[in-house]
Amino acid sequence: MPAEETNTRAWQIYGQRQLARAYTPPIPERLDWTPWEGVGPGAEVLGDVTGRRVLDIGSGAGHHAAHLAKAHGARVTGTELSPTQHERAVSAHAGVDGVEFVQADVAEYLAEAVPFDAAYAIGTLAFLDPHRSLPALRDGLRPGAPLILSLLHTDLHGRGPSTEVVPREQMILLRDDPPLPTQMWVLAPQLWEDLPTEYGFRAESIDLLPHPDENAKVIQQLIRARRLPDLPSRVTSRPRSTRAPAAHAAVGVGAILLSEEGILLGRHRRGTLELPGGSVEATGESFEDAVVRELVEETGLPAQTGDVELLGTLVDHVEGVLRVTVGARVHAWQGQPTTQPEESVGDWAWYPLDQLPDGLFVCSAQILTSWRPGLPIDHPPAHFTAFGSTT
């Protein structure tokens, strides 16, 4: 049986049993996002809902919808697929001003409804395939509307969330009756960050709300998301993950300064001769800015970014690290190069192109032959992609 059909059947049986018990949960004094009173925030996470149209997804017995209408002046529509759960809500709260209950699949209902100002689900969205529910919610909410979801994170047995978007069996526990098996999408917070983003929402925060009893293992997660504006003329982008990737690349620049005396090279404290240059700073620094900064730091020569011509990129691998080096020509500078205190390269001198010294640093050698392929320099191969003409 498909997962959502299993859940529909379970909640219909659950509603029948509660109707037989004549049990109606009281209207709460505050909106609780967990089964435990007083844990986490209240209705304030929805913003000011006074007079606003709010969607309760999987409204169950209707007590949360009634609270929002009575205590906060919201105009609440509770959608519930289970006919027995819908019957419970209507029989208990049909007379509450500002509340209506609809027995329908939420995705099908939203396809025809006027977009809502806010939506929330307390525990119930985990019973729907997010690839079906989230697109429907995007279309059923106005731009900027909040979407607040309370979902299971860790169950009573300590089983944590899945890192795949697949349902798994969980049980609805009843006091005097056997538990009801369901299929739930119990997903890791990272997925609940990525999935809303995929379907037109921005996940603003995800909070884990543990059981107040320290010995209990169950944890709920509270997801606060917001419907993004409609921007049909622009395409959005997002990172694959909020976690930083493992470092696996080095990005640097090397500058060619050619005077009447030749090419400017300095000697590294380890003995190699090399062009001015170094690593690009991880601050949004452009390649041109990196060339100008490294040049003045290493040689004392000031230059302008407008006088920097980027030649292209060189790509090679060194001990498993991808090395990307951008070669550049600096066409104008001021003064004469001097050794700078605390820099690892100094003793700057000009070398004629036909009298280049032995012992060039590999990156510098690669830059020079990408600029002038005829130079008689031996070095390991690197893939060069030119930006434009290399004059």
Protein backbone atom coordinates (compact mmCIF):
# COMPACT_ATOMS: atom_id res chain seq x y z
CA MET A 1 0.00 0.00 0.00
CA PRO A 2 1.42 3.46 -0.89
CA ALA A 3 2.67 5.47 2.07
CA GLU A 4 0.03 8.21 1.99
CA GLU A 5 -2.79 5.64 1.67
CA THR A 6 -1.42 3.86 4.73
CA ASN A 7 -1.49 7.15 6.63
CA THR A 8 -5.02 8.03 5.49
CA ARG A 9 -6.27 4.67 6.75
CA ALA A 10 -4.40 5.04 10.07
CA TRP A 11 -5.80 8.49 10.80
CA GLN A 12 -9.32 7.38 9.86
CA ILE A 13 -9.09 4.55 12.40
CA TYR A 14 -7.57 6.93 14.95
CA GLY A 15 -10.47 9.36 14.49
CA GLN A 16 -13.03 6.54 14.84
CA ARG A 17 -11.50 5.45 18.12
CA GLN A 18 -11.46 8.99 19.49
CA LEU A 19 -15.08 9.52 18.43
CA ALA A 20 -15.99 6.28 20.20
CA ARG A 21 -14.28 7.58 23.33
CA ALA A 22 -16.08 10.93 22.89
CA TYR A 23 -12.72 12.59 23.48
CA THR A 24 -12.25 16.19 22.48
CA PRO A 25 -8.94 17.87 23.38
CA PRO A 26 -9.43 21.23 25.08
CA ILE A 27 -8.62 24.46 23.28
CA PRO A 28 -5.06 25.22 24.48
CA GLU A 29 -4.12 28.43 26.23
CA ARG A 30 -1.10 28.76 23.96
CA LEU A 31 -0.09 27.21 20.66
CA ASP A 32 2.28 24.34 21.48
CA TRP A 33 4.39 22.92 18.67
CA THR A 34 5.16 19.72 20.55
CA PRO A 35 3.02 17.23 22.50
CA TRP A 36 4.56 18.72 25.66
CA GLU A 37 3.07 21.94 27.02
CA GLY A 38 5.31 24.96 27.39
CA VAL A 39 8.21 23.68 25.30
CA GLY A 40 9.43 26.07 22.64
CA PRO A 41 7.78 29.22 21.29
CA GLY A 42 4.08 29.87 20.85
CA ALA A 43 1.93 31.41 18.13
CA GLU A 44 4.29 34.39 17.85
CA VAL A 45 6.40 32.52 15.29
CA LEU A 46 3.54 32.99 12.82
CA GLY A 47 3.78 36.75 13.19
CA ASP A 48 0.73 38.97 13.65
CA VAL A 49 -2.16 36.87 12.33
CA THR A 50 -4.97 39.19 13.41
CA GLY A 51 -7.50 39.25 10.61
CA ARG A 52 -5.25 37.18 8.37
CA ARG A 53 -6.10 33.96 6.56
CA VAL A 54 -4.16 31.09 8.11
CA LEU A 55 -4.04 27.49 6.89
CA ASP A 56 -3.92 24.67 9.45
CA ILE A 57 -2.54 21.62 7.60
CA GLY A 58 -3.92 18.40 9.04
CA SER A 59 -6.10 20.18 11.58
CA GLY A 60 -7.14 16.98 13.38
CA ALA A 61 -9.57 17.70 16.19
CA GLY A 62 -9.46 21.42 15.40
CA HIS A 63 -8.28 22.71 18.81
CA HIS A 64 -5.23 24.54 17.45
CA ALA A 65 -7.31 26.31 14.81
CA ALA A 66 -9.85 27.32 17.45
CA HIS A 67 -7.08 28.76 19.65
CA LEU A 68 -5.67 30.92 16.84
CA ALA A 69 -9.11 32.29 16.02
CA LYS A 70 -10.21 32.95 19.61
CA ALA A 71 -6.90 34.16 21.10
CA HIS A 72 -5.27 35.85 18.10
CA GLY A 73 -8.12 36.90 15.84
CA ALA A 74 -6.95 34.80 12.89
CA ARG A 75 -9.25 33.55 10.15
CA VAL A 76 -8.29 29.89 10.12
CA THR A 77 -9.05 27.18 7.59
CA GLY A 78 -8.33 23.68 8.85
CA THR A 79 -7.79 21.05 6.17
CA GLU A 80 -8.07 17.39 7.14
CA LEU A 81 -8.06 14.34 4.86
CA SER A 82 -9.44 11.91 7.43
CA PRO A 83 -13.27 12.11 7.50
CA THR A 84 -13.38 10.97 11.12
CA GLN A 85 -10.85 13.58 12.23
CA HIS A 86 -12.81 16.20 10.27
CA GLU A 87 -15.98 15.06 12.04
CA ARG A 88 -14.33 15.55 15.41
CA ALA A 89 -13.29 19.13 14.53
CA VAL A 90 -16.68 20.14 13.14
CA SER A 91 -18.63 18.66 16.04
CA ALA A 92 -16.48 20.50 18.60
CA HIS A 93 -15.62 23.83 16.99
CA ALA A 94 -17.96 24.55 14.09
CA GLY A 95 -19.44 27.47 16.02
CA VAL A 96 -16.13 29.26 16.67
CA ASP A 97 -15.98 32.59 14.83
CA GLY A 98 -13.19 32.79 12.30
CA VAL A 99 -12.78 29.02 11.86
CA GLU A 100 -13.80 26.75 9.00
CA PHE A 101 -12.96 23.10 8.48
CA VAL A 102 -12.52 21.46 5.10
CA GLN A 103 -12.34 17.72 4.55
CA ALA A 104 -9.89 17.45 1.65
CA ASP A 105 -6.40 16.58 0.54
CA VAL A 106 -4.40 19.74 1.21
CA ALA A 107 -2.60 19.72 -2.15
CA GLU A 108 -5.86 19.36 -4.07
CA TYR A 109 -7.55 22.00 -1.94
CA LEU A 110 -4.78 24.55 -2.43
CA ALA A 111 -4.91 24.12 -6.20
CA GLU A 112 -8.27 25.92 -6.14
CA ALA A 113 -7.95 28.15 -3.04
CA VAL A 114 -7.07 31.82 -2.77
CA PRO A 115 -3.48 32.02 -1.44
CA PHE A 116 -3.17 32.20 2.36
CA ASP A 117 -1.27 34.69 4.52
CA ALA A 118 0.35 31.97 6.66
CA ALA A 119 0.36 28.20 7.10
CA TYR A 120 1.39 25.76 9.78
CA ALA A 121 1.37 22.04 10.53
CA ILE A 122 1.84 20.55 13.96
CA GLY A 123 3.26 17.10 13.41
CA THR A 124 1.17 16.36 10.34
CA LEU A 125 3.28 17.31 7.31
CA ALA A 126 5.55 14.33 8.00
CA PHE A 127 2.71 12.10 6.78
CA LEU A 128 2.79 13.68 3.29
CA ASP A 129 5.41 13.31 0.60
CA PRO A 130 7.28 16.66 0.72
CA HIS A 131 7.76 16.54 -3.06
CA ARG A 132 3.97 16.77 -3.31
CA SER A 133 3.07 19.00 -0.38
CA LEU A 134 5.71 21.71 -0.70
CA PRO A 135 4.93 22.71 -4.32
CA ALA A 136 1.25 22.89 -3.39
CA LEU A 137 2.06 25.10 -0.39
CA ARG A 138 4.23 27.36 -2.54
CA ASP A 139 1.26 27.94 -4.84
CA GLY A 140 -1.16 28.19 -1.93
CA LEU A 141 0.71 30.90 0.01
CA ARG A 142 1.19 34.51 -0.93
CA PRO A 143 4.79 35.74 -1.36
CA GLY A 144 6.39 36.47 2.01
CA ALA A 145 3.98 34.24 3.94
CA PRO A 146 5.42 32.21 6.84
CA LEU A 147 5.30 28.40 6.83
CA ILE A 148 5.85 26.85 10.26
CA LEU A 149 6.27 23.09 10.58
CA SER A 150 6.61 20.93 13.66
CA LEU A 151 8.03 17.52 12.73
CA LEU A 152 9.47 14.46 14.39
CA HIS A 153 13.28 14.40 14.61
CA THR A 154 14.05 11.51 16.99
CA ASP A 155 11.42 8.96 18.03
CA LEU A 156 10.70 7.38 21.40
CA HIS A 157 13.22 4.63 20.68
CA GLY A 158 16.03 7.09 19.95
CA ARG A 159 15.95 6.49 16.21
CA GLY A 160 17.12 9.69 14.54
CA PRO A 161 16.14 11.25 11.22
CA SER A 162 16.86 9.95 7.75
CA THR A 163 19.30 11.59 5.34
CA GLU A 164 17.20 10.41 2.38
CA VAL A 165 13.77 11.67 1.35
CA VAL A 166 12.00 8.37 1.94
CA PRO A 167 9.23 7.37 4.38
CA ARG A 168 9.66 4.83 7.14
CA GLU A 169 7.32 3.03 9.51
CA GLN A 170 6.38 4.86 12.70
CA MET A 171 3.55 4.16 15.15
CA ILE A 172 0.66 6.30 16.37
CA LEU A 173 0.41 5.38 20.03
CA LEU A 174 -2.98 5.10 21.73
CA ARG A 175 -3.66 4.81 25.41
CA ASP A 176 -6.07 1.84 25.39
CA ASP A 177 -5.74 0.46 21.86
CA PRO A 178 -2.99 -1.14 19.77
CA PRO A 179 -0.65 1.29 18.01
CA LEU A 180 -1.37 2.19 14.41
CA PRO A 181 1.43 1.76 11.86
CA THR A 182 2.07 4.72 9.58
CA GLN A 183 4.64 5.80 7.01
CA MET A 184 6.39 9.05 7.95
CA TRP A 185 9.00 11.25 6.29
CA VAL A 186 11.28 11.71 9.33
CA LEU A 187 14.02 13.76 7.72
CA ALA A 188 17.25 15.36 8.90
CA PRO A 189 17.28 19.14 9.40
CA GLN A 190 19.59 19.54 6.40
CA LEU A 191 16.89 18.04 4.17
CA TRP A 192 14.24 20.28 5.72
CA GLU A 193 16.53 23.18 4.82
CA ASP A 194 17.11 22.01 1.25
CA LEU A 195 13.58 20.86 0.36
CA PRO A 196 11.76 24.14 1.07
CA THR A 197 14.50 25.99 -0.81
CA GLU A 198 13.95 23.71 -3.79
CA TYR A 199 10.27 24.61 -3.88
CA GLY A 200 10.30 28.36 -3.44
CA PHE A 201 10.77 28.88 0.30
CA ARG A 202 13.63 30.17 2.44
CA ALA A 203 14.30 28.10 5.56
CA GLU A 204 14.94 30.77 8.20
CA SER A 205 15.65 28.54 11.20
CA ILE A 206 15.39 24.95 12.42
CA ASP A 207 15.18 24.39 16.18
CA LEU A 208 15.33 21.04 17.97
CA LEU A 209 12.87 20.76 20.87
CA PRO A 210 13.69 17.85 23.21
CA HIS A 211 11.26 16.24 25.62
CA PRO A 212 11.25 18.02 29.01
CA ASP A 213 12.10 14.70 30.68
CA GLU A 214 15.85 14.27 30.21
CA ASN A 215 15.41 10.49 30.16
CA ALA A 216 13.03 10.63 27.17
CA LYS A 217 14.68 10.35 23.78
CA VAL A 218 12.02 11.90 21.57
CA ILE A 219 12.83 15.24 19.90
CA GLN A 220 10.70 17.47 17.68
CA GLN A 221 12.13 19.92 15.17
CA LEU A 222 10.52 23.29 14.50
CA ILE A 223 11.09 24.64 11.01
CA ARG A 224 10.45 28.29 10.21
CA ALA A 225 10.34 29.01 6.50
CA ARG A 226 9.00 31.80 4.33
CA ARG A 227 7.50 31.82 0.85
CA LEU A 228 9.90 33.64 -1.48
CA PRO A 229 8.68 36.42 -3.77
CA ASP A 230 7.72 35.59 -7.31
CA LEU A 231 10.64 36.59 -9.53
CA PRO A 232 9.86 35.09 -12.92
CA SER A 233 12.59 37.10 -14.62
CA ARG A 234 15.38 35.81 -12.35
CA VAL A 235 16.74 32.40 -11.52
CA THR A 236 17.64 31.67 -7.91
CA SER A 237 20.71 29.84 -6.69
CA ARG A 238 21.54 28.11 -3.45
CA PRO A 239 24.46 26.26 -1.88
CA ARG A 240 24.38 22.49 -1.88
CA SER A 241 24.87 22.54 1.89
CA THR A 242 25.36 24.95 4.79
CA ARG A 243 28.44 22.96 5.75
CA ALA A 244 31.75 24.19 4.36
CA PRO A 245 33.34 21.80 1.86
CA ALA A 246 36.58 20.05 2.70
CA ALA A 247 39.55 22.09 1.51
CA HIS A 248 40.86 20.54 -1.70
CA ALA A 249 42.07 23.43 -3.86
CA ALA A 250 44.63 26.24 -3.78
CA VAL A 251 44.02 29.41 -5.80
CA GLY A 252 46.79 31.89 -6.49
CA VAL A 253 48.09 34.55 -8.86
CA GLY A 254 51.46 35.23 -10.47
CA ALA A 255 52.44 38.56 -12.03
CA ILE A 256 54.72 39.18 -15.00
CA LEU A 257 56.49 42.56 -14.92
CA LEU A 258 58.52 43.11 -18.10
CA SER A 259 60.89 46.09 -18.28
CA GLU A 260 63.73 46.97 -20.64
CA GLU A 261 65.97 44.95 -18.34
CA GLY A 262 63.85 41.81 -18.45
CA ILE A 263 61.45 39.86 -16.21
CA LEU A 264 61.19 40.60 -12.47
CA LEU A 265 62.04 37.55 -10.32
CA GLY A 266 62.70 37.19 -6.62
CA ARG A 267 64.40 34.47 -4.60
CA HIS A 268 62.33 32.50 -2.12
CA ARG A 269 63.98 31.63 1.18
CA ARG A 270 63.84 27.98 0.01
CA GLY A 271 65.97 28.86 -3.02
CA THR A 272 63.54 28.94 -5.94
CA LEU A 273 63.23 32.00 -8.18
CA GLU A 274 59.69 33.18 -8.80
CA LEU A 275 57.35 35.87 -10.05
CA PRO A 276 55.58 38.18 -7.59
CA GLY A 277 52.34 36.56 -6.47
CA GLY A 278 50.58 34.45 -3.90
CA SER A 279 47.24 33.16 -2.70
CA VAL A 280 43.91 34.85 -3.40
CA GLU A 281 42.31 35.85 -0.11
CA ALA A 282 38.96 34.23 0.76
CA THR A 283 37.21 37.59 1.16
CA GLY A 284 35.74 38.04 -2.28
CA GLU A 285 39.04 39.43 -3.57
CA SER A 286 39.26 39.63 -7.37
CA PHE A 287 42.27 38.27 -9.24
CA GLU A 288 43.28 41.81 -10.23
CA ASP A 289 43.07 42.96 -6.61
CA ALA A 290 45.13 39.95 -5.51
CA VAL A 291 47.86 40.81 -8.06
CA VAL A 292 48.04 44.45 -6.89
CA ARG A 293 48.06 43.46 -3.21
CA GLU A 294 50.70 40.75 -3.57
CA LEU A 295 52.89 43.01 -5.73
CA VAL A 296 53.07 45.80 -3.17
CA GLU A 297 53.38 43.39 -0.23
CA GLU A 298 56.29 41.46 -1.78
CA THR A 299 58.14 44.10 -3.81
CA GLY A 300 56.90 47.50 -2.58
CA LEU A 301 55.74 48.36 -6.13
CA PRO A 302 52.34 50.07 -6.23
CA ALA A 303 50.14 49.42 -9.26
CA GLN A 304 46.54 49.96 -10.34
CA THR A 305 44.06 47.17 -11.11
CA GLY A 306 43.37 48.86 -14.46
CA ASP A 307 46.98 48.10 -15.44
CA VAL A 308 46.58 44.37 -14.70
CA GLU A 309 45.84 42.08 -17.65
CA LEU A 310 44.69 38.58 -16.70
CA LEU A 311 46.20 36.02 -19.08
CA GLY A 312 44.35 32.84 -18.11
CA THR A 313 44.15 29.95 -15.68
CA LEU A 314 46.61 27.13 -15.13
CA VAL A 315 45.26 23.97 -13.49
CA ASP A 316 47.34 21.10 -12.12
CA HIS A 317 47.41 18.73 -9.16
CA VAL A 318 49.95 18.58 -6.37
CA GLU A 319 49.69 15.70 -3.86
CA GLY A 320 45.92 15.45 -4.30
CA VAL A 321 45.30 19.21 -4.12
CA LEU A 322 43.87 20.97 -7.15
CA ARG A 323 46.03 24.03 -7.84
CA VAL A 324 44.55 26.88 -9.87
CA THR A 325 46.93 29.70 -10.78
CA VAL A 326 45.95 32.82 -12.69
CA GLY A 327 48.75 34.46 -14.63
CA ALA A 328 48.74 38.23 -15.19
CA ARG A 329 50.70 40.96 -16.91
CA VAL A 330 51.23 44.20 -15.02
CA HIS A 331 51.73 46.93 -17.61
CA ALA A 332 52.54 49.86 -15.29
CA TRP A 333 53.94 50.33 -11.78
CA GLN A 334 55.89 52.90 -9.80
CA GLY A 335 59.38 52.76 -8.34
CA GLN A 336 61.95 49.99 -8.05
CA PRO A 337 61.44 46.61 -6.35
CA THR A 338 62.92 46.14 -2.89
CA THR A 339 63.02 43.29 -0.41
CA GLN A 340 60.18 43.65 2.08
CA PRO A 341 60.66 42.72 5.76
CA GLU A 342 59.02 39.45 6.85
CA GLU A 343 58.20 38.41 3.25
CA SER A 344 59.43 34.99 2.14
CA VAL A 345 60.58 36.26 -1.29
CA GLY A 346 63.18 39.00 -1.80
CA ASP A 347 66.39 39.94 -3.61
CA TRP A 348 64.32 41.12 -6.57
CA ALA A 349 66.15 41.47 -9.88
CA TRP A 350 65.48 41.79 -13.59
CA TYR A 351 66.39 38.86 -15.86
CA PRO A 352 66.52 39.11 -19.66
CA LEU A 353 64.19 36.64 -21.40
CA ASP A 354 67.15 34.99 -23.13
CA GLN A 355 69.07 34.64 -19.86
CA LEU A 356 66.48 33.20 -17.48
CA PRO A 357 68.04 31.44 -14.48
CA ASP A 358 67.71 27.81 -13.46
CA GLY A 359 65.58 26.85 -10.47
CA LEU A 360 62.33 28.63 -11.37
CA PHE A 361 59.33 27.92 -9.16
CA VAL A 362 56.99 25.56 -11.07
CA CYS A 363 53.98 27.93 -10.97
CA SER A 364 56.12 30.82 -12.27
CA ALA A 365 57.56 28.63 -15.01
CA GLN A 366 54.07 27.57 -16.08
CA ILE A 367 52.88 31.18 -16.19
CA LEU A 368 55.86 32.27 -18.28
CA THR A 369 55.44 29.51 -20.91
CA SER A 370 51.68 30.10 -21.10
CA TRP A 371 52.53 33.75 -21.86
CA ARG A 372 55.44 32.97 -24.21
CA PRO A 373 55.20 29.31 -25.32
CA GLY A 374 58.60 29.50 -27.01
CA LEU A 375 60.54 30.10 -23.80
CA PRO A 376 62.95 27.19 -23.16
CA ILE A 377 61.71 26.29 -19.68
CA ASP A 378 61.12 22.73 -18.42
CA HIS A 379 58.26 22.18 -15.95
CA PRO A 380 55.44 19.70 -15.17
CA PRO A 381 52.46 20.09 -17.53
CA ALA A 382 49.41 22.14 -16.57
CA HIS A 383 46.16 22.84 -18.39
CA PHE A 384 46.07 26.47 -19.54
CA THR A 385 42.88 28.31 -20.53
CA ALA A 386 43.50 31.79 -21.95
CA PHE A 387 41.21 34.69 -21.08
CA GLY A 388 42.13 36.63 -24.20
CA SER A 389 45.16 37.66 -26.15
CA THR A 390 48.46 37.08 -24.30
CA THR A 391 50.63 39.98 -25.48
